[in-house]
Amino acid sequence: MDRHTEIRRLAQVLHKPADALGYLDKLDVEGLHRLRLILQNRIIDEFAHLFERMAASGKIAPDSLSALLCRKVFGPTLTANMSYFTPVTKAVKLLKHFDADFLTEVSRHIVPERAQAMLQGIPVDMMREVTRNLLAAGEYPVMGGFTDHMPETKVVALMEEIENPVDSLRVSTYTQNKARIARITLGFDEDYLSELIHAAFSSDELIEEVGLITAEMDAADQQRMARLTDRLDKAYRKRARRMADSLGTTERLQAYFDA
C-alpha cells in the first residue's frame, strides 16, 4: 500500500486536510490502514445487533415497502449500515426501487471493505448514474474506495463515464490497488494515455500518482510510457525523476528513466 494514499483516505474519514495529520507520522501504512478501518467500523460494530435486526425485518416485508422505509424513515446512513447484514440478492432487489440520488447518498456512507459481496452483485448499469453523480460532486475518495473493492471488469466499465483524465487521476489518488490501475491504464489507446500523462504534469500530486502507477508496470510498458512522455515534453521525465527521488521510488521506475 502507498502511505500518501492512505493518509488521504484517513483524512477524508476524519474530515480534516491531509496535512493536519502530522501527528500520525510514526504510523506506517499498515497502521494507518488499521486505524481507518477501526474508525469506519466502530459504530457499525457497536450497533451490529440493531442493524442486523432491522435488516432481518425487511425479509418479511415487500421490497417496495422496505425500500420506502429506507428512503423516508431510515435515510442513507442507516440504509448503508443495514446493507452489510442484508443478503446480496435482497439488496440488489431493493436498489431497483431507489433513484440515483438516494443511491449516491447511500454510497457516501458505505465502507467498501465491508461491501465487497454487494459490489460484486450490483449490475454495472445500476452504478453508472451513481458514478456520474459522484464525479460531478468531486467525490474522489468514495470512488477510489470502490475502485479497490469492486470487480475489475466493473471498474473498467465505469471508467467509461470519466471523460477528463484529471478526474481519473484524482480517483486513483484514493485507490490503493495501483497494480489494478496500471493494468487498466495499459488498456487505453495511446491518445488517451498521452492525455493522461499530460494531465499528470499539471500538479506534483498527480505526477506522484502516475509514478506509482507506472512503477507497477513491467520494463517494456515503462519504456512505452517514457516514449509517450517524451513526445509531449522532454522536460517531463526530469520532473518525474525529481519526484521519484524525493519519494524513494526511483529504483522501481528504473526502466522508465533509462529508456
C-alpha atoms as a PDB file:
ATOM      1  CA  MET A   1       0.000   0.000   0.000  1.00  0.00           C
ATOM      2  CA  ASP A   2       1.006   3.599  -0.562  1.00  0.00           C
ATOM      3  CA  ARG A   3       1.255   5.716   2.584  1.00  0.00           C
ATOM      4  CA  HIS A   4       0.262   9.010   0.948  1.00  0.00           C
ATOM      5  CA  THR A   5      -2.862   7.372  -0.482  1.00  0.00           C
ATOM      6  CA  GLU A   6      -3.813   6.005   2.925  1.00  0.00           C
ATOM      7  CA  ILE A   7      -3.264   9.388   4.573  1.00  0.00           C
ATOM      8  CA  ARG A   8      -5.626  10.967   2.052  1.00  0.00           C
ATOM      9  CA  ARG A   9      -8.289   8.326   2.751  1.00  0.00           C
ATOM     10  CA  LEU A  10      -7.887   8.662   6.517  1.00  0.00           C
ATOM     11  CA  ALA A  11      -8.094  12.444   6.274  1.00  0.00           C
ATOM     12  CA  GLN A  12     -11.394  12.056   4.435  1.00  0.00           C
ATOM     13  CA  VAL A  13     -12.783   9.854   7.220  1.00  0.00           C
ATOM     14  CA  LEU A  14     -11.683  12.388   9.837  1.00  0.00           C
ATOM     15  CA  HIS A  15     -12.972  15.357   7.785  1.00  0.00           C
ATOM     16  CA  LYS A  16      -9.564  17.023   8.030  1.00  0.00           C
ATOM     17  CA  PRO A  17      -6.939  18.093   5.479  1.00  0.00           C
ATOM     18  CA  ALA A  18      -4.186  15.531   4.982  1.00  0.00           C
ATOM     19  CA  ASP A  19      -1.502  17.981   6.112  1.00  0.00           C
ATOM     20  CA  ALA A  20      -3.229  18.214   9.511  1.00  0.00           C
ATOM     21  CA  LEU A  21      -2.357  14.588  10.306  1.00  0.00           C
ATOM     22  CA  GLY A  22       1.330  15.106  11.002  1.00  0.00           C
ATOM     23  CA  TYR A  23       0.837  13.671  14.496  1.00  0.00           C
ATOM     24  CA  LEU A  24       0.415  10.261  12.807  1.00  0.00           C
ATOM     25  CA  ASP A  25       3.857  10.331  11.174  1.00  0.00           C
ATOM     26  CA  LYS A  26       5.090   7.469  13.355  1.00  0.00           C
ATOM     27  CA  LEU A  27       2.436   5.110  11.975  1.00  0.00           C
ATOM     28  CA  ASP A  28       3.404   3.095   8.904  1.00  0.00           C
ATOM     29  CA  VAL A  29       0.911   2.487   6.110  1.00  0.00           C
ATOM     30  CA  GLU A  30      -0.426  -0.715   7.689  1.00  0.00           C
ATOM     31  CA  GLY A  31      -1.023   1.146  10.956  1.00  0.00           C
ATOM     32  CA  LEU A  32      -2.833   3.951   9.145  1.00  0.00           C
ATOM     33  CA  HIS A  33      -4.946   1.406   7.300  1.00  0.00           C
ATOM     34  CA  ARG A  34      -5.939  -0.354  10.527  1.00  0.00           C
ATOM     35  CA  LEU A  35      -6.769   2.972  12.174  1.00  0.00           C
ATOM     36  CA  ARG A  36      -9.009   3.995   9.284  1.00  0.00           C
ATOM     37  CA  LEU A  37     -10.910   0.713   9.379  1.00  0.00           C
ATOM     38  CA  ILE A  38     -11.346   0.961  13.163  1.00  0.00           C
ATOM     39  CA  LEU A  39     -12.815   4.445  12.796  1.00  0.00           C
ATOM     40  CA  GLN A  40     -15.069   3.484   9.882  1.00  0.00           C
ATOM     41  CA  ASN A  41     -16.315   0.303  11.546  1.00  0.00           C
ATOM     42  CA  ARG A  42     -16.669   1.489  15.146  1.00  0.00           C
ATOM     43  CA  ILE A  43     -20.334   2.481  15.036  1.00  0.00           C
ATOM     44  CA  ILE A  44     -21.248  -0.384  12.718  1.00  0.00           C
ATOM     45  CA  ASP A  45     -19.698  -2.947  15.064  1.00  0.00           C
ATOM     46  CA  GLU A  46     -21.141  -1.326  18.186  1.00  0.00           C
ATOM     47  CA  PHE A  47     -24.696  -1.402  16.848  1.00  0.00           C
ATOM     48  CA  ALA A  48     -24.373  -4.506  14.649  1.00  0.00           C
ATOM     49  CA  HIS A  49     -27.123  -6.321  16.564  1.00  0.00           C
ATOM     50  CA  LEU A  50     -29.531  -3.469  15.859  1.00  0.00           C
ATOM     51  CA  PHE A  51     -28.637  -3.187  12.173  1.00  0.00           C
ATOM     52  CA  GLU A  52     -28.960  -6.966  11.825  1.00  0.00           C
ATOM     53  CA  ARG A  53     -32.437  -6.939  13.368  1.00  0.00           C
ATOM     54  CA  MET A  54     -33.529  -4.040  11.155  1.00  0.00           C
ATOM     55  CA  ALA A  55     -32.241  -5.832   8.073  1.00  0.00           C
ATOM     56  CA  ALA A  56     -33.936  -9.075   9.133  1.00  0.00           C
ATOM     57  CA  SER A  57     -37.289  -7.328   9.476  1.00  0.00           C
ATOM     58  CA  GLY A  58     -37.066  -6.441   5.796  1.00  0.00           C
ATOM     59  CA  LYS A  59     -37.129 -10.126   4.843  1.00  0.00           C
ATOM     60  CA  ILE A  60     -40.852 -10.373   5.594  1.00  0.00           C
ATOM     61  CA  ALA A  61     -41.853  -7.057   4.002  1.00  0.00           C
ATOM     62  CA  PRO A  62     -42.385  -6.470   0.281  1.00  0.00           C
ATOM     63  CA  ASP A  63     -39.335  -4.987  -1.408  1.00  0.00           C
ATOM     64  CA  SER A  64     -41.226  -1.838  -2.339  1.00  0.00           C
ATOM     65  CA  LEU A  65     -42.196  -1.238   1.310  1.00  0.00           C
ATOM     66  CA  SER A  66     -38.679  -1.933   2.587  1.00  0.00           C
ATOM     67  CA  ALA A  67     -37.283   0.485   0.015  1.00  0.00           C
ATOM     68  CA  LEU A  68     -39.835   3.137   1.010  1.00  0.00           C
ATOM     69  CA  LEU A  69     -38.813   2.806   4.660  1.00  0.00           C
ATOM     70  CA  CYS A  70     -35.159   3.169   3.683  1.00  0.00           C
ATOM     71  CA  ARG A  71     -35.836   6.359   1.739  1.00  0.00           C
ATOM     72  CA  LYS A  72     -38.354   8.012   4.032  1.00  0.00           C
ATOM     73  CA  VAL A  73     -37.531   6.709   7.523  1.00  0.00           C
ATOM     74  CA  PHE A  74     -34.039   5.246   7.840  1.00  0.00           C
ATOM     75  CA  GLY A  75     -32.185   7.545   5.453  1.00  0.00           C
ATOM     76  CA  PRO A  76     -28.900   6.895   3.609  1.00  0.00           C
ATOM     77  CA  THR A  77     -26.653   6.304   6.653  1.00  0.00           C
ATOM     78  CA  LEU A  78     -28.798   3.619   8.278  1.00  0.00           C
ATOM     79  CA  THR A  79     -29.549   2.099   4.887  1.00  0.00           C
ATOM     80  CA  ALA A  80     -25.807   1.769   4.252  1.00  0.00           C
ATOM     81  CA  ASN A  81     -25.246   0.203   7.681  1.00  0.00           C
ATOM     82  CA  MET A  82     -28.097  -2.286   7.211  1.00  0.00           C
ATOM     83  CA  SER A  83     -26.769  -3.301   3.801  1.00  0.00           C
ATOM     84  CA  TYR A  84     -23.889  -5.275   5.368  1.00  0.00           C
ATOM     85  CA  PHE A  85     -26.461  -7.543   7.054  1.00  0.00           C
ATOM     86  CA  THR A  86     -28.763  -7.929   4.042  1.00  0.00           C
ATOM     87  CA  PRO A  87     -28.357 -10.836   1.597  1.00  0.00           C
ATOM     88  CA  VAL A  88     -26.923  -9.597  -1.687  1.00  0.00           C
ATOM     89  CA  THR A  89     -29.890 -10.806  -3.753  1.00  0.00           C
ATOM     90  CA  LYS A  90     -32.265  -8.906  -1.459  1.00  0.00           C
ATOM     91  CA  ALA A  91     -30.070  -5.794  -1.505  1.00  0.00           C
ATOM     92  CA  VAL A  92     -29.994  -5.740  -5.315  1.00  0.00           C
ATOM     93  CA  LYS A  93     -33.793  -6.036  -5.456  1.00  0.00           C
ATOM     94  CA  LEU A  94     -34.115  -3.096  -3.064  1.00  0.00           C
ATOM     95  CA  LEU A  95     -31.701  -0.982  -5.083  1.00  0.00           C
ATOM     96  CA  LYS A  96     -34.041  -1.182  -8.045  1.00  0.00           C
ATOM     97  CA  HIS A  97     -36.562   0.842  -6.005  1.00  0.00           C
ATOM     98  CA  PHE A  98     -34.066   3.639  -5.254  1.00  0.00           C
ATOM     99  CA  ASP A  99     -33.392   6.582  -7.542  1.00  0.00           C
ATOM    100  CA  ALA A 100     -29.826   7.549  -8.422  1.00  0.00           C
ATOM    101  CA  ASP A 101     -29.750  10.476  -5.984  1.00  0.00           C
ATOM    102  CA  PHE A 102     -30.614   8.284  -2.992  1.00  0.00           C
ATOM    103  CA  LEU A 103     -28.166   5.601  -4.115  1.00  0.00           C
ATOM    104  CA  THR A 104     -25.480   8.265  -4.383  1.00  0.00           C
ATOM    105  CA  GLU A 105     -26.142   9.362  -0.804  1.00  0.00           C
ATOM    106  CA  VAL A 106     -26.011   5.750   0.401  1.00  0.00           C
ATOM    107  CA  SER A 107     -22.718   5.188  -1.404  1.00  0.00           C
ATOM    108  CA  ARG A 108     -21.131   8.048   0.548  1.00  0.00           C
ATOM    109  CA  HIS A 109     -21.683   6.060   3.770  1.00  0.00           C
ATOM    110  CA  ILE A 110     -20.599   2.637   2.518  1.00  0.00           C
ATOM    111  CA  VAL A 111     -17.392   1.086   3.854  1.00  0.00           C
ATOM    112  CA  PRO A 112     -16.131  -0.673   0.692  1.00  0.00           C
ATOM    113  CA  GLU A 113     -14.143  -3.267   2.640  1.00  0.00           C
ATOM    114  CA  ARG A 114     -17.419  -4.485   4.179  1.00  0.00           C
ATOM    115  CA  ALA A 115     -19.434  -4.301   0.973  1.00  0.00           C
ATOM    116  CA  GLN A 116     -17.412  -6.420  -1.445  1.00  0.00           C
ATOM    117  CA  ALA A 117     -20.143  -9.042  -1.914  1.00  0.00           C
ATOM    118  CA  MET A 118     -22.695  -6.339  -2.662  1.00  0.00           C
ATOM    119  CA  LEU A 119     -20.345  -4.567  -5.074  1.00  0.00           C
ATOM    120  CA  GLN A 120     -19.885  -7.918  -6.792  1.00  0.00           C
ATOM    121  CA  GLY A 121     -23.633  -8.429  -7.148  1.00  0.00           C
ATOM    122  CA  ILE A 122     -24.859  -4.987  -8.217  1.00  0.00           C
ATOM    123  CA  PRO A 123     -25.321  -4.769 -12.008  1.00  0.00           C
ATOM    124  CA  VAL A 124     -22.921  -2.271 -13.512  1.00  0.00           C
ATOM    125  CA  ASP A 125     -25.710  -0.395 -15.300  1.00  0.00           C
ATOM    126  CA  MET A 126     -27.204   0.492 -11.903  1.00  0.00           C
ATOM    127  CA  MET A 127     -23.881   2.043 -10.925  1.00  0.00           C
ATOM    128  CA  ARG A 128     -23.344   4.271 -13.948  1.00  0.00           C
ATOM    129  CA  GLU A 129     -25.548   7.200 -12.927  1.00  0.00           C
ATOM    130  CA  VAL A 130     -24.238   6.998  -9.354  1.00  0.00           C
ATOM    131  CA  THR A 131     -20.720   7.216 -10.787  1.00  0.00           C
ATOM    132  CA  ARG A 132     -21.684  10.316 -12.766  1.00  0.00           C
ATOM    133  CA  ASN A 133     -23.221  11.899  -9.656  1.00  0.00           C
ATOM    134  CA  LEU A 134     -20.156  11.184  -7.524  1.00  0.00           C
ATOM    135  CA  LEU A 135     -17.905  12.551 -10.246  1.00  0.00           C
ATOM    136  CA  ALA A 136     -19.936  15.738 -10.578  1.00  0.00           C
ATOM    137  CA  ALA A 137     -19.683  16.248  -6.806  1.00  0.00           C
ATOM    138  CA  GLY A 138     -15.914  15.609  -6.771  1.00  0.00           C
ATOM    139  CA  GLU A 139     -16.348  12.566  -4.525  1.00  0.00           C
ATOM    140  CA  TYR A 140     -12.994  11.081  -5.500  1.00  0.00           C
ATOM    141  CA  PRO A 141     -12.418   9.353  -2.131  1.00  0.00           C
ATOM    142  CA  VAL A 142     -15.690   7.421  -2.417  1.00  0.00           C
ATOM    143  CA  MET A 143     -14.899   6.404  -5.982  1.00  0.00           C
ATOM    144  CA  GLY A 144     -11.342   5.434  -5.078  1.00  0.00           C
ATOM    145  CA  GLY A 145     -12.547   3.158  -2.276  1.00  0.00           C
ATOM    146  CA  PHE A 146     -14.999   1.398  -4.569  1.00  0.00           C
ATOM    147  CA  THR A 147     -12.315   1.022  -7.234  1.00  0.00           C
ATOM    148  CA  ASP A 148     -10.249  -1.053  -4.809  1.00  0.00           C
ATOM    149  CA  HIS A 149     -13.052  -3.431  -3.885  1.00  0.00           C
ATOM    150  CA  MET A 150     -15.356  -3.965  -6.851  1.00  0.00           C
ATOM    151  CA  PRO A 151     -14.636  -6.446  -9.663  1.00  0.00           C
ATOM    152  CA  GLU A 152     -12.109  -5.143 -12.149  1.00  0.00           C
ATOM    153  CA  THR A 153     -14.492  -5.595 -15.080  1.00  0.00           C
ATOM    154  CA  LYS A 154     -16.917  -3.186 -13.404  1.00  0.00           C
ATOM    155  CA  VAL A 155     -14.149  -0.686 -12.743  1.00  0.00           C
ATOM    156  CA  VAL A 156     -13.241  -0.724 -16.443  1.00  0.00           C
ATOM    157  CA  ALA A 157     -16.893  -0.269 -17.441  1.00  0.00           C
ATOM    158  CA  LEU A 158     -17.470   2.607 -15.017  1.00  0.00           C
ATOM    159  CA  MET A 159     -14.309   4.382 -16.104  1.00  0.00           C
ATOM    160  CA  GLU A 160     -16.103   4.959 -19.399  1.00  0.00           C
ATOM    161  CA  GLU A 161     -18.129   7.556 -17.501  1.00  0.00           C
ATOM    162  CA  ILE A 162     -14.981   9.584 -16.717  1.00  0.00           C
ATOM    163  CA  GLU A 163     -14.074  11.792 -19.658  1.00  0.00           C
ATOM    164  CA  ASN A 164     -11.492  14.070 -18.040  1.00  0.00           C
ATOM    165  CA  PRO A 165      -8.091  12.398 -17.429  1.00  0.00           C
ATOM    166  CA  VAL A 166      -7.554  14.636 -14.381  1.00  0.00           C
ATOM    167  CA  ASP A 167     -10.672  13.123 -12.804  1.00  0.00           C
ATOM    168  CA  SER A 168      -9.324   9.619 -13.462  1.00  0.00           C
ATOM    169  CA  LEU A 169      -6.090  10.517 -11.717  1.00  0.00           C
ATOM    170  CA  ARG A 170      -7.923  12.133  -8.792  1.00  0.00           C
ATOM    171  CA  VAL A 171      -9.863   8.909  -8.262  1.00  0.00           C
ATOM    172  CA  SER A 172      -6.623   6.950  -8.439  1.00  0.00           C
ATOM    173  CA  THR A 173      -5.048   9.048  -5.663  1.00  0.00           C
ATOM    174  CA  TYR A 174      -7.571   7.411  -3.302  1.00  0.00           C
ATOM    175  CA  THR A 175      -7.079   3.905  -4.714  1.00  0.00           C
ATOM    176  CA  GLN A 176      -4.590   1.591  -3.031  1.00  0.00           C
ATOM    177  CA  ASN A 177      -4.533  -1.084  -5.728  1.00  0.00           C
ATOM    178  CA  LYS A 178      -2.118   0.677  -8.062  1.00  0.00           C
ATOM    179  CA  ALA A 179      -1.392  -2.598  -9.873  1.00  0.00           C
ATOM    180  CA  ARG A 180      -5.043  -2.759 -10.909  1.00  0.00           C
ATOM    181  CA  ILE A 181      -4.932   0.857 -12.100  1.00  0.00           C
ATOM    182  CA  ALA A 182      -1.767   0.065 -14.060  1.00  0.00           C
ATOM    183  CA  ARG A 183      -3.476  -2.852 -15.845  1.00  0.00           C
ATOM    184  CA  ILE A 184      -6.488  -0.723 -16.707  1.00  0.00           C
ATOM    185  CA  THR A 185      -4.297   2.172 -17.844  1.00  0.00           C
ATOM    186  CA  LEU A 186      -2.382  -0.052 -20.238  1.00  0.00           C
ATOM    187  CA  GLY A 187      -5.664  -0.909 -21.931  1.00  0.00           C
ATOM    188  CA  PHE A 188      -6.126   2.684 -23.108  1.00  0.00           C
ATOM    189  CA  ASP A 189      -5.092   3.763 -26.589  1.00  0.00           C
ATOM    190  CA  GLU A 190      -2.033   5.980 -26.991  1.00  0.00           C
ATOM    191  CA  ASP A 191      -4.067   9.149 -27.499  1.00  0.00           C
ATOM    192  CA  TYR A 192      -5.769   8.767 -24.123  1.00  0.00           C
ATOM    193  CA  LEU A 193      -2.531   7.678 -22.458  1.00  0.00           C
ATOM    194  CA  SER A 194      -0.909  10.861 -23.764  1.00  0.00           C
ATOM    195  CA  GLU A 195      -3.784  12.930 -22.360  1.00  0.00           C
ATOM    196  CA  LEU A 196      -3.374  11.159 -19.035  1.00  0.00           C
ATOM    197  CA  ILE A 197       0.365  11.841 -18.901  1.00  0.00           C
ATOM    198  CA  HIS A 198      -0.130  15.483 -19.897  1.00  0.00           C
ATOM    199  CA  ALA A 199      -2.786  15.884 -17.192  1.00  0.00           C
ATOM    200  CA  ALA A 200      -0.465  14.333 -14.620  1.00  0.00           C
ATOM    201  CA  PHE A 201       2.119  17.047 -15.074  1.00  0.00           C
ATOM    202  CA  SER A 202      -0.384  19.723 -14.089  1.00  0.00           C
ATOM    203  CA  SER A 203       0.445  19.157 -10.395  1.00  0.00           C
ATOM    204  CA  ASP A 204       3.057  17.436  -8.223  1.00  0.00           C
ATOM    205  CA  GLU A 205       0.419  15.254  -6.595  1.00  0.00           C
ATOM    206  CA  LEU A 206      -0.645  13.865  -9.961  1.00  0.00           C
ATOM    207  CA  ILE A 207       2.972  13.358 -11.072  1.00  0.00           C
ATOM    208  CA  GLU A 208       3.406  11.276  -7.931  1.00  0.00           C
ATOM    209  CA  GLU A 209       0.278   9.282  -8.774  1.00  0.00           C
ATOM    210  CA  VAL A 210       1.340   8.470 -12.328  1.00  0.00           C
ATOM    211  CA  GLY A 211       4.727   7.468 -10.956  1.00  0.00           C
ATOM    212  CA  LEU A 212       3.127   4.998  -8.548  1.00  0.00           C
ATOM    213  CA  ILE A 213       1.005   3.561 -11.353  1.00  0.00           C
ATOM    214  CA  THR A 214       3.942   3.306 -13.760  1.00  0.00           C
ATOM    215  CA  ALA A 215       6.038   1.626 -11.063  1.00  0.00           C
ATOM    216  CA  GLU A 216       3.585  -1.304 -11.183  1.00  0.00           C
ATOM    217  CA  MET A 217       4.272  -1.868 -14.897  1.00  0.00           C
ATOM    218  CA  ASP A 218       6.917  -4.163 -16.323  1.00  0.00           C
ATOM    219  CA  ALA A 219      10.029  -2.782 -18.040  1.00  0.00           C
ATOM    220  CA  ALA A 220       8.570  -2.821 -21.561  1.00  0.00           C
ATOM    221  CA  ASP A 221       5.473  -0.902 -20.527  1.00  0.00           C
ATOM    222  CA  GLN A 222       7.535   1.582 -18.505  1.00  0.00           C
ATOM    223  CA  GLN A 223       9.598   2.223 -21.626  1.00  0.00           C
ATOM    224  CA  ARG A 224       6.410   2.761 -23.614  1.00  0.00           C
ATOM    225  CA  MET A 225       5.239   5.314 -21.040  1.00  0.00           C
ATOM    226  CA  ALA A 226       8.637   7.029 -21.273  1.00  0.00           C
ATOM    227  CA  ARG A 227       8.353   7.347 -25.059  1.00  0.00           C
ATOM    228  CA  LEU A 228       4.875   8.845 -24.764  1.00  0.00           C
ATOM    229  CA  THR A 229       6.113  11.245 -22.087  1.00  0.00           C
ATOM    230  CA  ASP A 230       8.995  12.435 -24.264  1.00  0.00           C
ATOM    231  CA  ARG A 231       6.654  13.074 -27.189  1.00  0.00           C
ATOM    232  CA  LEU A 232       4.794  15.551 -25.023  1.00  0.00           C
ATOM    233  CA  ASP A 233       7.727  17.297 -23.373  1.00  0.00           C
ATOM    234  CA  LYS A 234      11.252  16.012 -22.793  1.00  0.00           C
ATOM    235  CA  ALA A 235      11.405  18.021 -19.568  1.00  0.00           C
ATOM    236  CA  TYR A 236       8.594  15.963 -18.063  1.00  0.00           C
ATOM    237  CA  ARG A 237      10.792  12.991 -17.213  1.00  0.00           C
ATOM    238  CA  LYS A 238      13.241  15.241 -15.379  1.00  0.00           C
ATOM    239  CA  ARG A 239      10.380  16.471 -13.205  1.00  0.00           C
ATOM    240  CA  ALA A 240       9.250  12.896 -12.676  1.00  0.00           C
ATOM    241  CA  ARG A 241      12.794  11.912 -11.677  1.00  0.00           C
ATOM    242  CA  ARG A 242      12.954  14.634  -9.029  1.00  0.00           C
ATOM    243  CA  MET A 243       9.608  13.487  -7.656  1.00  0.00           C
ATOM    244  CA  ALA A 244      10.691   9.828  -7.621  1.00  0.00           C
ATOM    245  CA  ASP A 245      13.947  10.707  -5.868  1.00  0.00           C
ATOM    246  CA  SER A 246      12.039  12.568  -3.149  1.00  0.00           C
ATOM    247  CA  LEU A 247       9.623   9.668  -2.659  1.00  0.00           C
ATOM    248  CA  GLY A 248      12.171   6.874  -2.846  1.00  0.00           C
ATOM    249  CA  THR A 249      10.525   5.211  -5.859  1.00  0.00           C
ATOM    250  CA  THR A 250      13.337   5.769  -8.381  1.00  0.00           C
ATOM    251  CA  GLU A 251      14.534   2.151  -8.324  1.00  0.00           C
ATOM    252  CA  ARG A 252      11.057   0.850  -9.137  1.00  0.00           C
ATOM    253  CA  LEU A 253      10.923   3.236 -12.129  1.00  0.00           C
ATOM    254  CA  GLN A 254      14.394   2.476 -13.447  1.00  0.00           C
ATOM    255  CA  ALA A 255      13.189   1.220 -16.837  1.00  0.00           C
ATOM    256  CA  TYR A 256      11.133   4.408 -17.280  1.00  0.00           C
ATOM    257  CA  PHE A 257      14.130   6.650 -16.572  1.00  0.00           C
ATOM    258  CA  ASP A 258      16.628   4.541 -18.551  1.00  0.00           C
ATOM    259  CA  ALA A 259      14.515   4.473 -21.732  1.00  0.00           C
END
